PDB file of N, CA and C in Angstrom:
ATOM      1  N   UNK A   1     152.680-124.976 108.922  1.00  0.00           N
ATOM      2  CA  UNK A   1     152.037-125.391 108.588  1.00  0.00           C
ATOM      3  C   UNK A   1     151.457-126.442 109.687  1.00  0.00           C
ATOM      4  N   UNK A   2     150.502-126.975 110.348  1.00  0.00           N
ATOM      5  CA  UNK A   2     150.590-127.925 111.327  1.00  0.00           C
ATOM      6  C   UNK A   2     150.065-129.354 110.404  1.00  0.00           C
ATOM      7  N   UNK A   3     150.316-130.523 111.196  1.00  0.00           N
ATOM      8  CA  UNK A   3     149.694-132.199 110.736  1.00  0.00           C
ATOM      9  C   UNK A   3     148.266-131.906 110.631  1.00  0.00           C
ATOM     10  N   UNK A   4     147.513-131.178 111.518  1.00  0.00           N
ATOM     11  CA  UNK A   4     145.872-131.310 111.534  1.00  0.00           C
ATOM     12  C   UNK A   4     145.572-130.648 110.100  1.00  0.00           C
ATOM     13  N   UNK A   5     146.248-129.167 110.154  1.00  0.00           N
ATOM     14  CA  UNK A   5     145.859-128.616 108.808  1.00  0.00           C
ATOM     15  C   UNK A   5     146.081-129.252 107.602  1.00  0.00           C
ATOM     16  N   UNK A   6     147.257-129.511 107.153  1.00  0.00           N
ATOM     17  CA  UNK A   6     147.810-130.528 106.094  1.00  0.00           C
ATOM     18  C   UNK A   6     146.653-132.063 105.881  1.00  0.00           C
ATOM     19  N   UNK A   7     146.616-132.647 106.856  1.00  0.00           N
ATOM     20  CA  UNK A   7     145.314-133.751 107.084  1.00  0.00           C
ATOM     21  C   UNK A   7     144.275-132.955 106.238  1.00  0.00           C
ATOM     22  N   UNK A   8     143.365-132.561 107.183  1.00  0.00           N
ATOM     23  CA  UNK A   8     142.414-131.561 106.651  1.00  0.00           C
ATOM     24  C   UNK A   8     142.148-131.074 105.364  1.00  0.00           C
ATOM     25  N   UNK A   9     143.121-130.657 104.557  1.00  0.00           N
ATOM     26  CA  UNK A   9     143.157-129.979 102.812  1.00  0.00           C
ATOM     27  C   UNK A   9     143.490-131.268 102.623  1.00  0.00           C
ATOM     28  N   UNK A  10     144.150-132.398 102.689  1.00  0.00           N
ATOM     29  CA  UNK A  10     144.380-133.528 101.746  1.00  0.00           C
ATOM     30  C   UNK A  10     143.203-134.262 101.659  1.00  0.00           C
ATOM     31  N   UNK A  11     142.406-134.043 103.054  1.00  0.00           N
ATOM     32  CA  UNK A  11     140.861-134.414 102.475  1.00  0.00           C
ATOM     33  C   UNK A  11     140.037-134.095 102.131  1.00  0.00           C
ATOM     34  N   UNK A  12     139.868-132.893 102.450  1.00  0.00           N
ATOM     35  CA  UNK A  12     138.843-132.162 101.604  1.00  0.00           C
ATOM     36  C   UNK A  12     139.108-131.674 100.169  1.00  0.00           C
ATOM     37  N   UNK A  13     140.250-131.525  99.533  1.00  0.00           N
ATOM     38  CA  UNK A  13     140.696-131.173  98.308  1.00  0.00           C
ATOM     39  C   UNK A  13     140.447-132.157  97.338  1.00  0.00           C
ATOM     40  N   UNK A  14     140.160-131.845  96.173  1.00  0.00           N
ATOM     41  CA  UNK A  14     139.644-132.676  95.417  1.00  0.00           C
ATOM     42  C   UNK A  14     140.285-133.833  94.596  1.00  0.00           C
ATOM     43  N   UNK A  15     139.624-134.978  94.219  1.00  0.00           N
ATOM     44  CA  UNK A  15     140.658-136.131  93.952  1.00  0.00           C
ATOM     45  C   UNK A  15     141.867-135.729  92.566  1.00  0.00           C
ATOM     46  N   UNK A  16     142.984-135.960  92.428  1.00  0.00           N
ATOM     47  CA  UNK A  16     143.707-135.584  91.006  1.00  0.00           C
ATOM     48  C   UNK A  16     143.749-136.683  90.259  1.00  0.00           C
ATOM     49  N   UNK A  17     142.882-136.123  88.756  1.00  0.00           N
ATOM     50  CA  UNK A  17     142.641-136.763  87.550  1.00  0.00           C
ATOM     51  C   UNK A  17     144.181-136.657  86.951  1.00  0.00           C
ATOM     52  N   UNK A  18     144.643-137.608  86.453  1.00  0.00           N
ATOM     53  CA  UNK A  18     145.965-137.306  84.949  1.00  0.00           C
ATOM     54  C   UNK A  18     145.307-137.229  83.972  1.00  0.00           C
ATOM     55  N   UNK A  19     145.936-136.205  83.012  1.00  0.00           N
ATOM     56  CA  UNK A  19     145.619-135.915  81.719  1.00  0.00           C
ATOM     57  C   UNK A  19     145.807-137.468  81.093  1.00  0.00           C
ATOM     58  N   UNK A  20     146.864-138.179  81.162  1.00  0.00           N
ATOM     59  CA  UNK A  20     146.935-139.518  80.441  1.00  0.00           C
ATOM     60  C   UNK A  20     146.629-140.488  81.472  1.00  0.00           C
ATOM     61  N   UNK A  21     145.891-141.681  81.218  1.00  0.00           N
ATOM     62  CA  UNK A  21     145.785-142.697  82.046  1.00  0.00           C
ATOM     63  C   UNK A  21     147.148-143.054  82.741  1.00  0.00           C
ATOM     64  N   UNK A  22     147.229-143.973  83.243  1.00  0.00           N
ATOM     65  CA  UNK A  22     148.478-144.544  84.382  1.00  0.00           C
ATOM     66  C   UNK A  22     148.278-145.859  83.651  1.00  0.00           C
ATOM     67  N   UNK A  23     147.259-146.659  83.017  1.00  0.00           N
ATOM     68  CA  UNK A  23     146.891-147.805  82.422  1.00  0.00           C
ATOM     69  C   UNK A  23     148.078-147.840  80.789  1.00  0.00           C
ATOM     70  N   UNK A  24     147.676-146.671  80.484  1.00  0.00           N
ATOM     71  CA  UNK A  24     148.403-146.288  78.903  1.00  0.00           C
ATOM     72  C   UNK A  24     149.751-145.479  78.690  1.00  0.00           C
ATOM     73  N   UNK A  25     150.228-145.534  79.859  1.00  0.00           N
ATOM     74  CA  UNK A  25     151.240-144.672  80.122  1.00  0.00           C
ATOM     75  C   UNK A  25     152.187-145.880  79.387  1.00  0.00           C
ATOM     76  N   UNK A  26     152.765-146.996  80.073  1.00  0.00           N
ATOM     77  CA  UNK A  26     153.932-147.693  79.140  1.00  0.00           C
ATOM     78  C   UNK A  26     153.617-147.813  77.780  1.00  0.00           C
ATOM     79  N   UNK A  27     152.277-147.814  77.163  1.00  0.00           N
ATOM     80  CA  UNK A  27     152.319-147.816  75.499  1.00  0.00           C
ATOM     81  C   UNK A  27     152.696-146.578  74.893  1.00  0.00           C
ATOM     82  N   UNK A  28     152.720-145.461  75.705  1.00  0.00           N
ATOM     83  CA  UNK A  28     153.273-144.304  75.345  1.00  0.00           C
ATOM     84  C   UNK A  28     154.279-144.003  75.062  1.00  0.00           C
ATOM     85  N   UNK A  29     155.103-144.684  76.275  1.00  0.00           N
ATOM     86  CA  UNK A  29     156.614-144.804  76.704  1.00  0.00           C
ATOM     87  C   UNK A  29     157.123-145.637  75.711  1.00  0.00           C
ATOM     88  N   UNK A  30     156.708-146.779  75.309  1.00  0.00           N
ATOM     89  CA  UNK A  30     157.394-147.257  73.978  1.00  0.00           C
ATOM     90  C   UNK A  30     157.052-146.577  72.706  1.00  0.00           C
ATOM     91  N   UNK A  31     155.934-145.999  72.132  1.00  0.00           N
ATOM     92  CA  UNK A  31     155.961-145.609  71.341  1.00  0.00           C
ATOM     93  C   UNK A  31     156.933-143.472  70.749  1.00  0.00           C
ATOM     94  N   UNK A  32     157.019-143.621  71.802  1.00  0.00           N
ATOM     95  CA  UNK A  32     157.369-142.351  72.080  1.00  0.00           C
ATOM     96  C   UNK A  32     159.382-142.621  72.218  1.00  0.00           C
ATOM     97  N   UNK A  33     159.741-143.330  72.775  1.00  0.00           N
ATOM     98  CA  UNK A  33     161.156-144.148  72.594  1.00  0.00           C
ATOM     99  C   UNK A  33     161.437-144.526  71.216  1.00  0.00           C
ATOM    100  N   UNK A  34     160.633-145.328  70.457  1.00  0.00           N
ATOM    101  CA  UNK A  34     160.981-145.379  69.039  1.00  0.00           C
ATOM    102  C   UNK A  34     160.947-144.209  67.953  1.00  0.00           C
ATOM    103  N   UNK A  35     159.645-143.761  68.484  1.00  0.00           N
ATOM    104  CA  UNK A  35     160.042-142.015  67.804  1.00  0.00           C
ATOM    105  C   UNK A  35     161.268-141.501  68.045  1.00  0.00           C
ATOM    106  N   UNK A  36     161.345-141.091  69.352  1.00  0.00           N
ATOM    107  CA  UNK A  36     162.931-140.930  69.961  1.00  0.00           C
ATOM    108  C   UNK A  36     164.237-141.312  69.196  1.00  0.00           C
ATOM    109  N   UNK A  37     164.271-142.039  69.060  1.00  0.00           N
ATOM    110  CA  UNK A  37     165.396-143.190  68.253  1.00  0.00           C
ATOM    111  C   UNK A  37     165.196-142.718  67.086  1.00  0.00           C
ATOM    112  N   UNK A  38     163.973-143.269  66.410  1.00  0.00           N
ATOM    113  CA  UNK A  38     164.036-142.584  64.924  1.00  0.00           C
ATOM    114  C   UNK A  38     164.821-141.175  64.601  1.00  0.00           C
ATOM    115  N   UNK A  39     164.521-140.568  65.406  1.00  0.00           N
ATOM    116  CA  UNK A  39     164.726-139.035  65.373  1.00  0.00           C
ATOM    117  C   UNK A  39     166.342-138.571  65.178  1.00  0.00           C
ATOM    118  N   UNK A  40     166.810-139.278  66.192  1.00  0.00           N
ATOM    119  CA  UNK A  40     167.917-139.450  66.444  1.00  0.00           C
ATOM    120  C   UNK A  40     169.097-140.229  65.577  1.00  0.00           C
ATOM    121  N   UNK A  41     168.308-141.445  64.551  1.00  0.00           N
ATOM    122  CA  UNK A  41     169.273-141.780  63.567  1.00  0.00           C
ATOM    123  C   UNK A  41     169.082-141.080  62.510  1.00  0.00           C
ATOM    124  N   UNK A  42     167.897-140.289  62.249  1.00  0.00           N
ATOM    125  CA  UNK A  42     168.057-139.600  61.230  1.00  0.00           C
ATOM    126  C   UNK A  42     169.385-138.232  61.078  1.00  0.00           C
ATOM    127  N   UNK A  43     169.044-137.810  62.101  1.00  0.00           N
ATOM    128  CA  UNK A  43     170.297-136.776  62.595  1.00  0.00           C
ATOM    129  C   UNK A  43     171.614-137.428  62.309  1.00  0.00           C
ATOM    130  N   UNK A  44     171.612-138.395  62.921  1.00  0.00           N
ATOM    131  CA  UNK A  44     173.228-138.779  62.593  1.00  0.00           C
ATOM    132  C   UNK A  44     173.506-139.156  61.037  1.00  0.00           C
ATOM    133  N   UNK A  45     172.185-139.901  60.389  1.00  0.00           N
ATOM    134  CA  UNK A  45     172.187-140.060  59.175  1.00  0.00           C
ATOM    135  C   UNK A  45     172.107-139.006  58.114  1.00  0.00           C
ATOM    136  N   UNK A  46     171.713-137.636  58.351  1.00  0.00           N
ATOM    137  CA  UNK A  46     171.418-136.498  57.464  1.00  0.00           C
ATOM    138  C   UNK A  46     172.850-136.042  57.743  1.00  0.00           C
ATOM    139  N   UNK A  47     173.926-136.125  58.454  1.00  0.00           N
ATOM    140  CA  UNK A  47     175.411-135.649  58.243  1.00  0.00           C
ATOM    141  C   UNK A  47     175.983-136.332  57.171  1.00  0.00           C
ATOM    142  N   UNK A  48     175.537-137.316  57.136  1.00  0.00           N
ATOM    143  CA  UNK A  48     176.997-138.167  56.210  1.00  0.00           C
ATOM    144  C   UNK A  48     175.568-138.115  54.655  1.00  0.00           C
ATOM    145  N   UNK A  49     174.302-138.364  54.968  1.00  0.00           N
ATOM    146  CA  UNK A  49     173.834-138.028  53.287  1.00  0.00           C
ATOM    147  C   UNK A  49     174.011-136.600  52.293  1.00  0.00           C
ATOM    148  N   UNK A  50     174.163-135.825  53.122  1.00  0.00           N
ATOM    149  CA  UNK A  50     174.170-134.212  52.906  1.00  0.00           C
ATOM    150  C   UNK A  50     175.617-133.622  52.490  1.00  0.00           C
ATOM    151  N   UNK A  51     176.692-134.264  51.978  1.00  0.00           N
ATOM    152  CA  UNK A  51     178.018-133.839  52.200  1.00  0.00           C
ATOM    153  C   UNK A  51     178.112-132.721  50.862  1.00  0.00           C
ATOM    154  N   UNK A  52     177.678-132.757  50.360  1.00  0.00           N
ATOM    155  CA  UNK A  52     178.034-131.912  49.196  1.00  0.00           C
ATOM    156  C   UNK A  52     177.278-130.048  49.326  1.00  0.00           C
ATOM    157  N   UNK A  53     176.456-130.500  50.343  1.00  0.00           N
ATOM    158  CA  UNK A  53     175.711-129.143  50.521  1.00  0.00           C
ATOM    159  C   UNK A  53     176.990-128.302  51.827  1.00  0.00           C
ATOM    160  N   UNK A  54     175.707-127.102  51.979  1.00  0.00           N
ATOM    161  CA  UNK A  54     176.507-125.990  52.960  1.00  0.00           C
ATOM    162  C   UNK A  54     176.346-126.363  54.203  1.00  0.00           C
ATOM    163  N   UNK A  55     177.537-126.277  55.314  1.00  0.00           N
ATOM    164  CA  UNK A  55     177.861-126.345  56.465  1.00  0.00           C
ATOM    165  C   UNK A  55     176.642-126.051  56.810  1.00  0.00           C
ATOM    166  N   UNK A  56     175.935-124.713  56.715  1.00  0.00           N
ATOM    167  CA  UNK A  56     174.750-124.330  57.595  1.00  0.00           C
ATOM    168  C   UNK A  56     173.676-125.048  57.632  1.00  0.00           C
ATOM    169  N   UNK A  57     173.157-125.662  55.920  1.00  0.00           N
ATOM    170  CA  UNK A  57     172.221-126.276  55.819  1.00  0.00           C
ATOM    171  C   UNK A  57     171.877-127.784  56.767  1.00  0.00           C
ATOM    172  N   UNK A  58     173.593-128.191  56.282  1.00  0.00           N
ATOM    173  CA  UNK A  58     173.480-129.632  57.751  1.00  0.00           C
ATOM    174  C   UNK A  58     173.423-129.667  59.235  1.00  0.00           C
ATOM    175  N   UNK A  59     174.174-128.000  59.316  1.00  0.00           N
ATOM    176  CA  UNK A  59     173.590-127.870  60.896  1.00  0.00           C
ATOM    177  C   UNK A  59     172.304-127.647  61.083  1.00  0.00           C
ATOM    178  N   UNK A  60     171.706-127.083  60.391  1.00  0.00           N
ATOM    179  CA  UNK A  60     170.542-126.757  60.923  1.00  0.00           C
ATOM    180  C   UNK A  60     169.432-127.784  61.030  1.00  0.00           C
ATOM    181  N   UNK A  61     169.846-128.898  59.460  1.00  0.00           N
ATOM    182  CA  UNK A  61     169.029-130.085  59.891  1.00  0.00           C
ATOM    183  C   UNK A  61     169.501-131.070  61.079  1.00  0.00           C
ATOM    184  N   UNK A  62     170.368-131.379  61.232  1.00  0.00           N
ATOM    185  CA  UNK A  62     170.865-131.797  62.626  1.00  0.00           C
ATOM    186  C   UNK A  62     170.439-131.209  63.644  1.00  0.00           C
ATOM    187  N   UNK A  63     170.629-129.872  64.154  1.00  0.00           N
ATOM    188  CA  UNK A  63     170.003-129.631  64.853  1.00  0.00           C
ATOM    189  C   UNK A  63     168.478-129.446  65.219  1.00  0.00           C
ATOM    190  N   UNK A  64     167.984-129.649  64.215  1.00  0.00           N
ATOM    191  CA  UNK A  64     166.271-129.694  64.269  1.00  0.00           C
ATOM    192  C   UNK A  64     165.796-131.210  64.191  1.00  0.00           C
ATOM    193  N   UNK A  65     166.479-132.392  63.934  1.00  0.00           N
ATOM    194  CA  UNK A  65     166.449-133.388  64.062  1.00  0.00           C
ATOM    195  C   UNK A  65     166.628-134.209  65.468  1.00  0.00           C
ATOM    196  N   UNK A  66     168.373-133.788  65.813  1.00  0.00           N
ATOM    197  CA  UNK A  66     168.141-133.468  67.258  1.00  0.00           C
ATOM    198  C   UNK A  66     167.203-133.062  68.551  1.00  0.00           C
ATOM    199  N   UNK A  67     166.924-131.748  68.177  1.00  0.00           N
ATOM    200  CA  UNK A  67     166.039-131.238  69.293  1.00  0.00           C
ATOM    201  C   UNK A  67     164.861-132.005  69.321  1.00  0.00           C
ATOM    202  N   UNK A  68     164.154-132.410  68.120  1.00  0.00           N
ATOM    203  CA  UNK A  68     163.228-133.580  68.222  1.00  0.00           C
ATOM    204  C   UNK A  68     162.916-134.813  68.743  1.00  0.00           C
ATOM    205  N   UNK A  69     164.322-135.198  68.441  1.00  0.00           N
ATOM    206  CA  UNK A  69     164.679-136.415  69.334  1.00  0.00           C
ATOM    207  C   UNK A  69     164.834-136.379  70.660  1.00  0.00           C
ATOM    208  N   UNK A  70     165.496-135.129  71.253  1.00  0.00           N
ATOM    209  CA  UNK A  70     166.252-134.847  72.645  1.00  0.00           C
ATOM    210  C   UNK A  70     164.395-134.442  73.133  1.00  0.00           C
ATOM    211  N   UNK A  71     163.227-134.083  72.334  1.00  0.00           N
ATOM    212  CA  UNK A  71     161.875-133.560  73.211  1.00  0.00           C
ATOM    213  C   UNK A  71     161.050-134.883  73.348  1.00  0.00           C
ATOM    214  N   UNK A  72     161.453-135.902  72.631  1.00  0.00           N
ATOM    215  CA  UNK A  72     160.677-137.543  72.644  1.00  0.00           C
ATOM    216  C   UNK A  72     161.526-138.560  73.277  1.00  0.00           C
ATOM    217  N   UNK A  73     162.867-138.098  73.653  1.00  0.00           N
ATOM    218  CA  UNK A  73     163.553-138.932  74.827  1.00  0.00           C
ATOM    219  C   UNK A  73     162.876-138.251  75.923  1.00  0.00           C
ATOM    220  N   UNK A  74     163.017-137.124  76.482  1.00  0.00           N
ATOM    221  CA  UNK A  74     162.289-136.281  77.451  1.00  0.00           C
ATOM    222  C   UNK A  74     160.370-137.150  77.456  1.00  0.00           C
ATOM    223  N   UNK A  75     160.179-137.023  76.709  1.00  0.00           N
ATOM    224  CA  UNK A  75     158.745-137.548  76.767  1.00  0.00           C
ATOM    225  C   UNK A  75     158.745-138.995  77.203  1.00  0.00           C
ATOM    226  N   UNK A  76     159.198-140.015  76.393  1.00  0.00           N
ATOM    227  CA  UNK A  76     159.182-141.293  76.935  1.00  0.00           C
ATOM    228  C   UNK A  76     160.188-141.147  78.275  1.00  0.00           C
ATOM    229  N   UNK A  77     161.107-140.753  78.829  1.00  0.00           N
ATOM    230  CA  UNK A  77     161.728-140.832  79.801  1.00  0.00           C
ATOM    231  C   UNK A  77     160.432-140.513  81.188  1.00  0.00           C
ATOM    232  N   UNK A  78     159.516-139.377  80.852  1.00  0.00           N
ATOM    233  CA  UNK A  78     158.662-138.823  82.039  1.00  0.00           C
ATOM    234  C   UNK A  78     157.096-140.102  82.013  1.00  0.00           C
ATOM    235  N   UNK A  79     157.071-140.833  81.005  1.00  0.00           N
ATOM    236  CA  UNK A  79     155.973-141.777  80.728  1.00  0.00           C
ATOM    237  C   UNK A  79     156.874-143.294  81.338  1.00  0.00           C
ATOM    238  N   UNK A  80     157.965-143.319  81.117  1.00  0.00           N
ATOM    239  CA  UNK A  80     158.651-144.447  81.383  1.00  0.00           C
ATOM    240  C   UNK A  80     158.512-144.470  83.316  1.00  0.00           C
ATOM    241  N   UNK A  81     158.926-143.108  83.826  1.00  0.00           N
ATOM    242  CA  UNK A  81     159.268-143.166  85.569  1.00  0.00           C
ATOM    243  C   UNK A  81     157.954-143.310  85.887  1.00  0.00           C
ATOM    244  N   UNK A  82     157.011-142.787  84.963  1.00  0.00           N
ATOM    245  CA  UNK A  82     155.313-142.538  85.768  1.00  0.00           C
ATOM    246  C   UNK A  82     154.883-143.936  85.704  1.00  0.00           C
ATOM    247  N   UNK A  83     155.243-144.561  84.261  1.00  0.00           N
ATOM    248  CA  UNK A  83     154.733-146.301  84.854  1.00  0.00           C
ATOM    249  C   UNK A  83     155.498-147.012  85.649  1.00  0.00           C
ATOM    250  N   UNK A  84     156.675-147.182  85.470  1.00  0.00           N
ATOM    251  CA  UNK A  84     157.392-147.794  86.716  1.00  0.00           C
ATOM    252  C   UNK A  84     157.288-147.747  88.341  1.00  0.00           C
ATOM    253  N   UNK A  85     157.582-146.003  88.362  1.00  0.00           N
ATOM    254  CA  UNK A  85     157.126-146.093  89.433  1.00  0.00           C
ATOM    255  C   UNK A  85     155.728-146.221  90.242  1.00  0.00           C
ATOM    256  N   UNK A  86     155.108-146.045  89.462  1.00  0.00           N
ATOM    257  CA  UNK A  86     153.905-146.437  90.146  1.00  0.00           C
ATOM    258  C   UNK A  86     153.463-148.214  90.255  1.00  0.00           C
ATOM    259  N   UNK A  87     153.798-149.086  89.277  1.00  0.00           N
ATOM    260  CA  UNK A  87     153.175-149.645  88.979  1.00  0.00           C
ATOM    261  C   UNK A  87     154.176-150.990  89.878  1.00  0.00           C
ATOM    262  N   UNK A  88     155.615-150.159  90.179  1.00  0.00           N
ATOM    263  CA  UNK A  88     156.618-151.084  91.042  1.00  0.00           C
ATOM    264  C   UNK A  88     156.659-151.448  91.969  1.00  0.00           C
TER     265      UNK A  88
END
């Protein structure tokens, strides 16, 4: 594809509208970061709280909480990189 074709496509394509406005992404990043930290702390505390229960129950609760924490850490990373990458 030549430069002229790319230039024409760029100017004829519709303007991109993001799902979440860039101005509000730092707020979302802060909230999701705190939620992720809360889930990770709950996961760590769940292993010490339920010592009398079966190992399978402890494993499932730890896995679920750490999975949710990881999802929210991923969202926080995306929001942080979008906000700092655009505004820096």
